[in-house]
N, C-alpha and C. Protein backbone atom coordinates (compact mmCIF):
# COMPACT_ATOMS: atom_id res chain seq x y z
N MET A 1 20.39 -144.32 135.78
CA MET A 1 19.17 -143.66 135.35
C MET A 1 19.41 -142.17 135.16
N SER A 2 20.13 -141.59 136.05
CA SER A 2 20.39 -140.15 135.97
C SER A 2 21.68 -139.85 136.72
N ARG A 3 22.26 -138.72 136.43
CA ARG A 3 23.46 -138.31 137.17
C ARG A 3 23.11 -137.66 138.50
N THR A 4 21.85 -137.29 138.68
CA THR A 4 21.42 -136.72 139.95
C THR A 4 21.51 -137.80 141.02
N PRO A 5 22.14 -137.51 142.15
CA PRO A 5 22.18 -138.50 143.23
C PRO A 5 20.76 -138.85 143.67
N PRO A 6 20.46 -140.14 143.82
CA PRO A 6 19.09 -140.55 144.15
C PRO A 6 18.55 -139.91 145.42
N TRP A 7 19.41 -139.71 146.42
CA TRP A 7 18.92 -139.14 147.68
C TRP A 7 18.56 -137.67 147.50
N LEU A 8 19.26 -136.98 146.60
CA LEU A 8 18.91 -135.60 146.30
C LEU A 8 17.57 -135.54 145.55
N ALA A 9 17.39 -136.46 144.62
CA ALA A 9 16.13 -136.54 143.88
C ALA A 9 14.98 -136.86 144.84
N MET A 10 15.23 -137.73 145.81
CA MET A 10 14.20 -138.07 146.80
C MET A 10 13.85 -136.85 147.65
N ALA A 11 14.86 -136.10 148.07
CA ALA A 11 14.63 -134.89 148.86
C ALA A 11 13.81 -133.87 148.07
N ALA A 12 14.08 -133.76 146.77
CA ALA A 12 13.33 -132.83 145.93
C ALA A 12 11.87 -133.23 145.84
N VAL A 13 11.61 -134.53 145.69
CA VAL A 13 10.23 -135.02 145.63
C VAL A 13 9.51 -134.74 146.95
N LEU A 14 10.19 -135.00 148.06
CA LEU A 14 9.60 -134.75 149.38
C LEU A 14 9.29 -133.27 149.56
N ALA A 15 10.23 -132.41 149.17
CA ALA A 15 10.01 -130.96 149.29
C ALA A 15 8.82 -130.52 148.43
N GLY A 16 8.73 -131.07 147.23
CA GLY A 16 7.59 -130.75 146.37
C GLY A 16 6.27 -131.21 146.97
N GLY A 17 6.28 -132.38 147.60
CA GLY A 17 5.08 -132.88 148.26
C GLY A 17 4.66 -132.00 149.43
N VAL A 18 5.63 -131.59 150.23
CA VAL A 18 5.34 -130.70 151.37
C VAL A 18 4.75 -129.39 150.85
N TYR A 19 5.34 -128.85 149.80
CA TYR A 19 4.83 -127.61 149.21
C TYR A 19 3.37 -127.77 148.77
N GLN A 20 3.09 -128.86 148.06
CA GLN A 20 1.72 -129.09 147.58
C GLN A 20 0.73 -129.27 148.73
N LEU A 21 1.14 -130.01 149.75
CA LEU A 21 0.25 -130.20 150.91
C LEU A 21 -0.05 -128.87 151.60
N ARG A 22 0.97 -128.04 151.74
CA ARG A 22 0.75 -126.72 152.35
C ARG A 22 -0.15 -125.86 151.46
N GLN A 23 0.02 -125.96 150.13
CA GLN A 23 -0.83 -125.22 149.20
C GLN A 23 -2.29 -125.65 149.33
N GLN A 24 -2.50 -126.92 149.70
CA GLN A 24 -3.86 -127.43 149.89
C GLN A 24 -4.43 -127.03 151.26
N GLY A 25 -3.62 -126.37 152.06
CA GLY A 25 -4.09 -125.93 153.36
C GLY A 25 -3.86 -126.92 154.49
N ARG A 26 -3.06 -127.95 154.22
CA ARG A 26 -2.76 -128.94 155.27
C ARG A 26 -1.94 -128.27 156.37
N LEU A 27 -2.30 -128.54 157.62
CA LEU A 27 -1.54 -128.03 158.76
C LEU A 27 -0.21 -128.77 158.87
N TRP A 28 0.78 -128.11 159.47
CA TRP A 28 2.07 -128.77 159.68
C TRP A 28 1.90 -129.95 160.64
N TRP A 29 1.19 -129.70 161.75
CA TRP A 29 0.97 -130.76 162.75
C TRP A 29 -0.40 -130.56 163.35
N CYS A 30 -0.74 -131.47 164.22
CA CYS A 30 -2.05 -131.51 164.85
C CYS A 30 -2.45 -130.15 165.42
N SER A 31 -3.70 -129.76 165.21
CA SER A 31 -4.19 -128.50 165.77
C SER A 31 -4.26 -128.54 167.29
N CYS A 32 -4.00 -129.71 167.87
CA CYS A 32 -3.96 -129.84 169.33
C CYS A 32 -2.67 -129.23 169.89
N ASP A 33 -1.78 -128.76 169.01
CA ASP A 33 -0.55 -128.06 169.37
C ASP A 33 0.55 -128.94 169.96
N TYR A 34 0.47 -130.22 169.75
CA TYR A 34 1.57 -131.11 170.13
C TYR A 34 1.68 -132.19 169.07
N VAL A 35 2.84 -132.77 168.96
CA VAL A 35 3.08 -133.83 167.98
C VAL A 35 3.51 -135.08 168.73
N LEU A 36 2.84 -136.16 168.45
CA LEU A 36 3.22 -137.45 169.01
C LEU A 36 3.96 -138.25 167.94
N LEU A 37 4.96 -139.00 168.35
CA LEU A 37 5.62 -139.90 167.42
C LEU A 37 4.64 -141.00 167.00
N TRP A 38 3.81 -141.45 167.94
CA TRP A 38 2.82 -142.51 167.68
C TRP A 38 1.53 -142.18 168.40
N THR A 39 0.41 -142.37 167.73
CA THR A 39 -0.90 -142.34 168.38
C THR A 39 -1.65 -143.60 167.99
N ASN A 40 -2.34 -144.17 168.94
CA ASN A 40 -3.11 -145.38 168.70
C ASN A 40 -4.47 -145.06 168.07
N ALA A 41 -4.77 -143.77 167.92
CA ALA A 41 -6.07 -143.34 167.40
C ALA A 41 -6.18 -143.68 165.92
N TYR A 42 -7.23 -144.39 165.57
CA TYR A 42 -7.51 -144.62 164.16
C TYR A 42 -8.84 -144.00 163.76
N TRP A 43 -9.80 -144.07 164.65
CA TRP A 43 -11.10 -143.46 164.40
C TRP A 43 -11.23 -142.29 165.36
N GLY A 44 -11.22 -141.10 164.85
CA GLY A 44 -11.38 -139.94 165.73
C GLY A 44 -10.64 -138.73 165.21
N ARG A 45 -10.64 -137.69 166.02
CA ARG A 45 -10.06 -136.43 165.55
C ARG A 45 -8.54 -136.43 165.50
N ASN A 46 -7.88 -137.37 166.17
CA ASN A 46 -6.41 -137.45 166.10
C ASN A 46 -5.93 -138.34 164.96
N THR A 47 -6.86 -138.95 164.24
CA THR A 47 -6.50 -139.80 163.11
C THR A 47 -5.75 -138.97 162.06
N SER A 48 -4.62 -139.46 161.64
CA SER A 48 -3.81 -138.83 160.59
C SER A 48 -3.29 -137.45 160.97
N GLN A 49 -3.16 -137.19 162.26
CA GLN A 49 -2.69 -135.89 162.71
C GLN A 49 -1.29 -135.93 163.31
N HIS A 50 -0.82 -137.10 163.70
CA HIS A 50 0.50 -137.24 164.32
C HIS A 50 1.41 -138.03 163.39
N PHE A 51 2.69 -138.16 163.75
CA PHE A 51 3.68 -138.74 162.84
C PHE A 51 3.29 -140.15 162.38
N LEU A 52 3.04 -141.05 163.32
CA LEU A 52 2.65 -142.41 162.98
C LEU A 52 1.36 -142.77 163.70
N ASP A 53 0.54 -143.60 163.04
CA ASP A 53 -0.70 -144.09 163.63
C ASP A 53 -1.00 -145.45 163.01
N PRO A 54 -2.09 -146.10 163.38
CA PRO A 54 -2.36 -147.42 162.81
C PRO A 54 -2.38 -147.44 161.27
N ALA A 55 -2.79 -146.35 160.65
CA ALA A 55 -2.80 -146.30 159.18
C ALA A 55 -1.40 -146.36 158.59
N SER A 56 -0.38 -146.10 159.40
CA SER A 56 1.00 -146.20 158.92
C SER A 56 1.30 -147.59 158.38
N PHE A 57 0.63 -148.60 158.96
CA PHE A 57 0.85 -149.97 158.49
C PHE A 57 0.31 -150.16 157.07
N THR A 58 -0.75 -149.43 156.70
CA THR A 58 -1.23 -149.54 155.32
C THR A 58 -0.21 -148.91 154.36
N HIS A 59 0.45 -147.87 154.81
CA HIS A 59 1.48 -147.24 153.97
C HIS A 59 2.73 -148.12 153.89
N LEU A 60 3.01 -148.85 154.95
CA LEU A 60 4.07 -149.86 154.91
C LEU A 60 3.76 -150.87 153.80
N LEU A 61 2.49 -151.26 153.72
CA LEU A 61 2.07 -152.20 152.67
C LEU A 61 2.11 -151.58 151.29
N HIS A 62 1.90 -150.27 151.19
CA HIS A 62 2.12 -149.59 149.89
C HIS A 62 3.55 -149.89 149.42
N GLY A 63 4.50 -149.78 150.35
CA GLY A 63 5.90 -150.05 150.02
C GLY A 63 6.12 -151.47 149.56
N PHE A 64 5.47 -152.43 150.23
CA PHE A 64 5.57 -153.84 149.81
C PHE A 64 5.07 -153.97 148.37
N ALA A 65 3.87 -153.43 148.11
CA ALA A 65 3.26 -153.55 146.79
C ALA A 65 4.10 -152.85 145.72
N LEU A 66 4.58 -151.65 146.03
CA LEU A 66 5.38 -150.91 145.05
C LEU A 66 6.72 -151.59 144.78
N CYS A 67 7.29 -152.21 145.79
CA CYS A 67 8.55 -152.94 145.60
C CYS A 67 8.36 -154.05 144.56
N GLY A 68 7.31 -154.84 144.74
CA GLY A 68 7.03 -155.92 143.79
C GLY A 68 6.67 -155.42 142.41
N LEU A 69 5.81 -154.43 142.36
CA LEU A 69 5.36 -153.88 141.08
C LEU A 69 6.52 -153.27 140.29
N LEU A 70 7.36 -152.50 140.96
CA LEU A 70 8.48 -151.86 140.26
C LEU A 70 9.57 -152.86 139.88
N ALA A 71 9.78 -153.89 140.70
CA ALA A 71 10.75 -154.93 140.34
C ALA A 71 10.29 -155.65 139.07
N TRP A 72 8.99 -155.82 138.95
CA TRP A 72 8.43 -156.47 137.76
C TRP A 72 8.44 -155.52 136.56
N ALA A 73 8.05 -154.25 136.77
CA ALA A 73 7.88 -153.31 135.67
C ALA A 73 9.19 -152.76 135.13
N VAL A 74 10.15 -152.49 136.01
CA VAL A 74 11.42 -151.89 135.60
C VAL A 74 12.59 -152.64 136.25
N PRO A 75 12.77 -153.91 135.91
CA PRO A 75 13.79 -154.72 136.59
C PRO A 75 15.22 -154.24 136.37
N ARG A 76 15.47 -153.52 135.30
CA ARG A 76 16.85 -153.07 135.02
C ARG A 76 17.22 -151.79 135.76
N VAL A 77 16.25 -151.14 136.33
CA VAL A 77 16.51 -149.91 137.09
C VAL A 77 17.05 -150.32 138.46
N SER A 78 18.06 -149.61 138.93
CA SER A 78 18.68 -149.95 140.22
C SER A 78 17.67 -149.84 141.36
N VAL A 79 17.94 -150.56 142.43
CA VAL A 79 17.04 -150.59 143.58
C VAL A 79 16.83 -149.18 144.15
N VAL A 80 17.89 -148.40 144.24
CA VAL A 80 17.76 -147.08 144.84
C VAL A 80 16.87 -146.17 143.98
N TRP A 81 16.91 -146.32 142.66
CA TRP A 81 16.02 -145.53 141.81
C TRP A 81 14.60 -146.07 141.85
N ARG A 82 14.45 -147.38 142.03
CA ARG A 82 13.09 -147.92 142.22
C ARG A 82 12.52 -147.41 143.55
N LEU A 83 13.37 -147.29 144.57
CA LEU A 83 12.92 -146.71 145.84
C LEU A 83 12.48 -145.26 145.61
N TRP A 84 13.24 -144.51 144.83
CA TRP A 84 12.85 -143.14 144.50
C TRP A 84 11.49 -143.12 143.80
N MET A 85 11.28 -144.06 142.87
CA MET A 85 9.99 -144.15 142.18
C MET A 85 8.87 -144.43 143.18
N ALA A 86 9.12 -145.37 144.10
CA ALA A 86 8.11 -145.70 145.11
C ALA A 86 7.79 -144.49 145.98
N VAL A 87 8.82 -143.79 146.41
CA VAL A 87 8.61 -142.59 147.24
C VAL A 87 7.86 -141.53 146.44
N SER A 88 8.19 -141.37 145.17
CA SER A 88 7.51 -140.39 144.32
C SER A 88 6.03 -140.74 144.18
N ILE A 89 5.73 -142.01 143.96
CA ILE A 89 4.33 -142.45 143.86
C ILE A 89 3.60 -142.20 145.18
N GLU A 90 4.26 -142.51 146.29
CA GLU A 90 3.64 -142.30 147.60
C GLU A 90 3.40 -140.82 147.88
N VAL A 91 4.34 -139.97 147.51
CA VAL A 91 4.15 -138.52 147.70
C VAL A 91 2.97 -138.05 146.84
N LEU A 92 2.90 -138.53 145.60
CA LEU A 92 1.77 -138.19 144.74
C LEU A 92 0.46 -138.64 145.37
N TRP A 93 0.44 -139.86 145.94
CA TRP A 93 -0.75 -140.35 146.61
C TRP A 93 -1.11 -139.45 147.80
N GLU A 94 -0.13 -139.03 148.58
CA GLU A 94 -0.40 -138.17 149.74
C GLU A 94 -1.05 -136.86 149.30
N VAL A 95 -0.58 -136.29 148.21
CA VAL A 95 -1.17 -135.05 147.70
C VAL A 95 -2.60 -135.31 147.22
N LEU A 96 -2.80 -136.40 146.48
CA LEU A 96 -4.14 -136.75 145.99
C LEU A 96 -5.07 -137.10 147.15
N GLU A 97 -4.58 -137.89 148.10
CA GLU A 97 -5.39 -138.33 149.25
C GLU A 97 -5.89 -137.13 150.06
N ASN A 98 -5.15 -136.06 150.07
CA ASN A 98 -5.51 -134.88 150.85
C ASN A 98 -6.22 -133.81 150.03
N SER A 99 -6.63 -134.17 148.83
CA SER A 99 -7.41 -133.24 148.02
C SER A 99 -8.85 -133.24 148.55
N PRO A 100 -9.56 -132.13 148.38
CA PRO A 100 -10.94 -132.07 148.87
C PRO A 100 -11.82 -133.21 148.33
N PHE A 101 -11.63 -133.58 147.06
CA PHE A 101 -12.44 -134.65 146.46
C PHE A 101 -12.25 -135.98 147.20
N VAL A 102 -10.99 -136.36 147.43
CA VAL A 102 -10.73 -137.66 148.07
C VAL A 102 -11.14 -137.62 149.55
N ILE A 103 -10.89 -136.52 150.23
CA ILE A 103 -11.33 -136.41 151.63
C ILE A 103 -12.84 -136.59 151.71
N GLN A 104 -13.57 -135.95 150.82
CA GLN A 104 -15.03 -136.10 150.81
C GLN A 104 -15.43 -137.53 150.47
N ARG A 105 -14.69 -138.15 149.57
CA ARG A 105 -14.97 -139.55 149.20
C ARG A 105 -14.78 -140.47 150.40
N TYR A 106 -13.72 -140.24 151.17
CA TYR A 106 -13.51 -141.02 152.40
C TYR A 106 -14.69 -140.85 153.35
N ARG A 107 -15.15 -139.62 153.50
CA ARG A 107 -16.26 -139.36 154.42
C ARG A 107 -17.54 -140.04 153.96
N GLU A 108 -17.78 -140.04 152.65
CA GLU A 108 -19.02 -140.60 152.13
C GLU A 108 -18.99 -142.11 151.99
N GLY A 109 -17.83 -142.66 151.62
CA GLY A 109 -17.78 -144.07 151.25
C GLY A 109 -17.15 -144.99 152.27
N THR A 110 -16.66 -144.44 153.37
CA THR A 110 -16.03 -145.29 154.37
C THR A 110 -16.56 -144.90 155.75
N ALA A 111 -16.08 -145.56 156.75
CA ALA A 111 -16.49 -145.25 158.13
C ALA A 111 -15.68 -144.09 158.71
N ALA A 112 -14.92 -143.39 157.88
CA ALA A 112 -14.08 -142.28 158.34
C ALA A 112 -14.91 -140.99 158.36
N PHE A 113 -15.95 -140.97 159.16
CA PHE A 113 -16.91 -139.87 159.16
C PHE A 113 -16.27 -138.52 159.47
N GLY A 114 -15.37 -138.46 160.42
CA GLY A 114 -14.78 -137.19 160.83
C GLY A 114 -13.45 -136.89 160.18
N TYR A 115 -13.05 -137.68 159.19
CA TYR A 115 -11.74 -137.50 158.57
C TYR A 115 -11.67 -136.14 157.88
N HIS A 116 -10.62 -135.39 158.15
CA HIS A 116 -10.46 -134.08 157.51
C HIS A 116 -9.08 -133.91 156.88
N GLY A 117 -8.41 -135.01 156.60
CA GLY A 117 -7.12 -134.96 155.92
C GLY A 117 -5.95 -135.10 156.87
N ASP A 118 -4.78 -135.32 156.28
CA ASP A 118 -3.55 -135.53 157.04
C ASP A 118 -2.86 -134.20 157.33
N THR A 119 -2.08 -134.19 158.39
CA THR A 119 -1.14 -133.09 158.59
C THR A 119 0.10 -133.39 157.76
N VAL A 120 0.93 -132.39 157.56
CA VAL A 120 2.18 -132.59 156.83
C VAL A 120 3.07 -133.59 157.57
N VAL A 121 3.10 -133.50 158.90
CA VAL A 121 3.89 -134.44 159.71
C VAL A 121 3.40 -135.87 159.50
N ASN A 122 2.09 -136.08 159.46
CA ASN A 122 1.56 -137.42 159.25
C ASN A 122 1.87 -137.91 157.84
N SER A 123 1.76 -137.03 156.85
CA SER A 123 2.10 -137.43 155.48
C SER A 123 3.57 -137.84 155.39
N ALA A 124 4.44 -137.13 156.12
CA ALA A 124 5.86 -137.51 156.15
C ALA A 124 6.02 -138.90 156.76
N GLY A 125 5.28 -139.19 157.82
CA GLY A 125 5.31 -140.52 158.42
C GLY A 125 4.79 -141.58 157.47
N ASP A 126 3.77 -141.24 156.68
CA ASP A 126 3.24 -142.18 155.69
C ASP A 126 4.27 -142.49 154.61
N VAL A 127 4.96 -141.46 154.13
CA VAL A 127 5.99 -141.67 153.10
C VAL A 127 7.14 -142.48 153.67
N LEU A 128 7.56 -142.18 154.89
CA LEU A 128 8.61 -142.97 155.53
C LEU A 128 8.17 -144.43 155.69
N SER A 129 6.93 -144.65 156.08
CA SER A 129 6.41 -146.01 156.23
C SER A 129 6.46 -146.76 154.90
N CYS A 130 6.10 -146.09 153.82
CA CYS A 130 6.17 -146.69 152.49
C CYS A 130 7.60 -147.06 152.14
N ALA A 131 8.54 -146.15 152.38
CA ALA A 131 9.95 -146.42 152.07
C ALA A 131 10.48 -147.60 152.88
N VAL A 132 10.12 -147.65 154.17
CA VAL A 132 10.53 -148.78 155.01
C VAL A 132 9.91 -150.07 154.48
N GLY A 133 8.65 -150.02 154.10
CA GLY A 133 7.99 -151.19 153.54
C GLY A 133 8.67 -151.68 152.28
N PHE A 134 9.06 -150.76 151.42
CA PHE A 134 9.78 -151.11 150.20
C PHE A 134 11.07 -151.86 150.54
N LEU A 135 11.84 -151.31 151.47
CA LEU A 135 13.14 -151.91 151.84
C LEU A 135 12.96 -153.26 152.54
N VAL A 136 11.95 -153.36 153.40
CA VAL A 136 11.70 -154.64 154.08
C VAL A 136 11.28 -155.70 153.07
N ALA A 137 10.37 -155.35 152.16
CA ALA A 137 9.91 -156.30 151.15
C ALA A 137 11.07 -156.75 150.26
N ARG A 138 11.92 -155.83 149.90
CA ARG A 138 13.09 -156.17 149.08
C ARG A 138 13.96 -157.18 149.80
N ARG A 139 14.16 -156.97 151.09
CA ARG A 139 15.00 -157.86 151.90
C ARG A 139 14.35 -159.24 152.07
N LEU A 140 13.03 -159.27 152.24
CA LEU A 140 12.33 -160.53 152.49
C LEU A 140 12.21 -161.41 151.25
N GLY A 141 12.12 -160.80 150.09
CA GLY A 141 11.83 -161.57 148.89
C GLY A 141 10.33 -161.74 148.73
N PHE A 142 9.91 -162.19 147.56
CA PHE A 142 8.49 -162.19 147.21
C PHE A 142 7.63 -163.03 148.16
N ARG A 143 7.97 -164.29 148.36
CA ARG A 143 7.10 -165.18 149.15
C ARG A 143 6.96 -164.72 150.60
N ARG A 144 8.06 -164.40 151.23
CA ARG A 144 7.98 -163.96 152.63
C ARG A 144 7.30 -162.59 152.73
N ALA A 145 7.55 -161.72 151.76
CA ALA A 145 6.88 -160.41 151.76
C ALA A 145 5.37 -160.58 151.59
N LEU A 146 4.97 -161.50 150.73
CA LEU A 146 3.54 -161.77 150.54
C LEU A 146 2.91 -162.29 151.83
N ALA A 147 3.61 -163.18 152.52
CA ALA A 147 3.11 -163.71 153.80
C ALA A 147 2.97 -162.60 154.83
N VAL A 148 3.95 -161.71 154.91
CA VAL A 148 3.88 -160.59 155.86
C VAL A 148 2.75 -159.65 155.46
N PHE A 149 2.58 -159.40 154.17
CA PHE A 149 1.50 -158.54 153.68
C PHE A 149 0.16 -159.07 154.16
N VAL A 150 -0.08 -160.36 153.94
CA VAL A 150 -1.34 -160.98 154.36
C VAL A 150 -1.51 -160.91 155.87
N ALA A 151 -0.44 -161.20 156.61
CA ALA A 151 -0.51 -161.16 158.08
C ALA A 151 -0.84 -159.76 158.58
N VAL A 152 -0.24 -158.74 157.99
CA VAL A 152 -0.52 -157.36 158.40
C VAL A 152 -1.97 -156.99 158.07
N GLU A 153 -2.45 -157.39 156.91
CA GLU A 153 -3.84 -157.11 156.54
C GLU A 153 -4.81 -157.75 157.53
N VAL A 154 -4.56 -159.01 157.91
CA VAL A 154 -5.42 -159.70 158.87
C VAL A 154 -5.35 -159.01 160.23
N ALA A 155 -4.14 -158.68 160.67
CA ALA A 155 -3.97 -158.01 161.96
C ALA A 155 -4.70 -156.66 161.98
N LEU A 156 -4.61 -155.90 160.89
CA LEU A 156 -5.31 -154.62 160.83
C LEU A 156 -6.82 -154.80 160.83
N ALA A 157 -7.32 -155.82 160.14
CA ALA A 157 -8.76 -156.08 160.12
C ALA A 157 -9.28 -156.38 161.52
N VAL A 158 -8.50 -157.13 162.29
CA VAL A 158 -8.89 -157.46 163.66
C VAL A 158 -8.75 -156.24 164.57
N TRP A 159 -7.64 -155.52 164.43
CA TRP A 159 -7.30 -154.41 165.33
C TRP A 159 -8.16 -153.17 165.08
N ILE A 160 -8.19 -152.70 163.83
CA ILE A 160 -8.86 -151.42 163.53
C ILE A 160 -10.01 -151.57 162.54
N ARG A 161 -10.31 -152.81 162.16
CA ARG A 161 -11.39 -153.07 161.19
C ARG A 161 -11.16 -152.34 159.87
N ASP A 162 -9.93 -152.29 159.46
CA ASP A 162 -9.56 -151.65 158.20
C ASP A 162 -8.23 -152.24 157.75
N GLY A 163 -7.76 -151.84 156.63
CA GLY A 163 -6.49 -152.29 156.08
C GLY A 163 -6.35 -151.71 154.69
N LEU A 164 -5.27 -152.00 154.04
CA LEU A 164 -5.04 -151.44 152.71
C LEU A 164 -6.10 -151.90 151.72
N LEU A 165 -6.34 -153.20 151.66
CA LEU A 165 -7.30 -153.72 150.68
C LEU A 165 -8.73 -153.27 150.99
N LEU A 166 -9.11 -153.28 152.27
CA LEU A 166 -10.44 -152.78 152.64
C LEU A 166 -10.56 -151.29 152.33
N ASN A 167 -9.52 -150.55 152.58
CA ASN A 167 -9.51 -149.11 152.33
C ASN A 167 -9.74 -148.83 150.85
N VAL A 168 -9.02 -149.54 150.00
CA VAL A 168 -9.16 -149.36 148.54
C VAL A 168 -10.56 -149.75 148.10
N LEU A 169 -11.03 -150.91 148.58
CA LEU A 169 -12.38 -151.37 148.22
C LEU A 169 -13.43 -150.33 148.60
N MET A 170 -13.36 -149.85 149.84
CA MET A 170 -14.37 -148.92 150.32
C MET A 170 -14.27 -147.54 149.65
N LEU A 171 -13.10 -147.19 149.20
CA LEU A 171 -12.94 -145.92 148.49
C LEU A 171 -13.54 -146.01 147.09
N ILE A 172 -13.35 -147.17 146.44
CA ILE A 172 -13.82 -147.34 145.07
C ILE A 172 -15.26 -147.82 145.00
N TYR A 173 -15.59 -148.80 145.84
CA TYR A 173 -16.92 -149.42 145.78
C TYR A 173 -17.41 -149.69 147.20
N PRO A 174 -17.96 -148.68 147.86
CA PRO A 174 -18.39 -148.85 149.25
C PRO A 174 -19.45 -149.94 149.40
N ILE A 175 -19.31 -150.72 150.44
CA ILE A 175 -20.25 -151.79 150.75
C ILE A 175 -20.84 -151.49 152.13
N ASP A 176 -22.15 -151.35 152.18
CA ASP A 176 -22.82 -150.94 153.42
C ASP A 176 -22.50 -151.86 154.59
N ALA A 177 -22.46 -153.16 154.36
CA ALA A 177 -22.21 -154.11 155.46
C ALA A 177 -20.81 -153.91 156.04
N ILE A 178 -19.83 -153.64 155.19
CA ILE A 178 -18.47 -153.40 155.69
C ILE A 178 -18.42 -152.08 156.45
N GLU A 179 -19.07 -151.06 155.91
CA GLU A 179 -19.10 -149.77 156.61
C GLU A 179 -19.74 -149.91 157.99
N ALA A 180 -20.82 -150.67 158.08
CA ALA A 180 -21.48 -150.88 159.38
C ALA A 180 -20.57 -151.64 160.33
N TRP A 181 -19.88 -152.66 159.82
CA TRP A 181 -18.93 -153.43 160.65
C TRP A 181 -17.81 -152.53 161.16
N GLN A 182 -17.27 -151.69 160.27
CA GLN A 182 -16.21 -150.76 160.68
C GLN A 182 -16.73 -149.77 161.72
N ALA A 183 -17.91 -149.21 161.48
CA ALA A 183 -18.47 -148.22 162.40
C ALA A 183 -18.74 -148.81 163.78
N ALA A 184 -19.07 -150.08 163.84
CA ALA A 184 -19.33 -150.74 165.13
C ALA A 184 -18.07 -150.89 165.96
N GLY A 185 -16.92 -150.74 165.33
CA GLY A 185 -15.64 -150.90 166.03
C GLY A 185 -15.11 -149.63 166.67
N HIS A 186 -15.80 -148.52 166.50
CA HIS A 186 -15.31 -147.27 167.12
C HIS A 186 -16.41 -146.47 167.73
């Protein structure tokens, strides 16, 4: 695809994403002045503030979906460049997700009442989760990856009353009954 080494291209995309997030005013890490590798918080002020959290599993599923989509859309492109494409799309999503418009949309259309955006550290964890998801899905193949995708969605619905598909639905077309169900869980 290019003479640029894929890992260098990936680093450039990540650096550009970090720059954009900082330009948007995103903090490097939690304003609580400590960084956790993992927090179990999904609803609350620590949501999206530490490296990994329950939402990381939705970003893992982004990787599953992007692996399948890119294998279908650009089958002749090498796997490592498709991974770069997936990471680039995820970085773009992180920048968009942390824009004032989308943050406000989350607050209005979902049960994420106190959501105020991701920290840079959390966005890095989200991008890493997507990349891991891409690689896991590639290794599993379509059928097993689809089964894992469904299992993770069900587990997230039970655990945190959210998931990738619910998140997308509520962002695009909020449903009061789902919002009430989600709010009852926290």
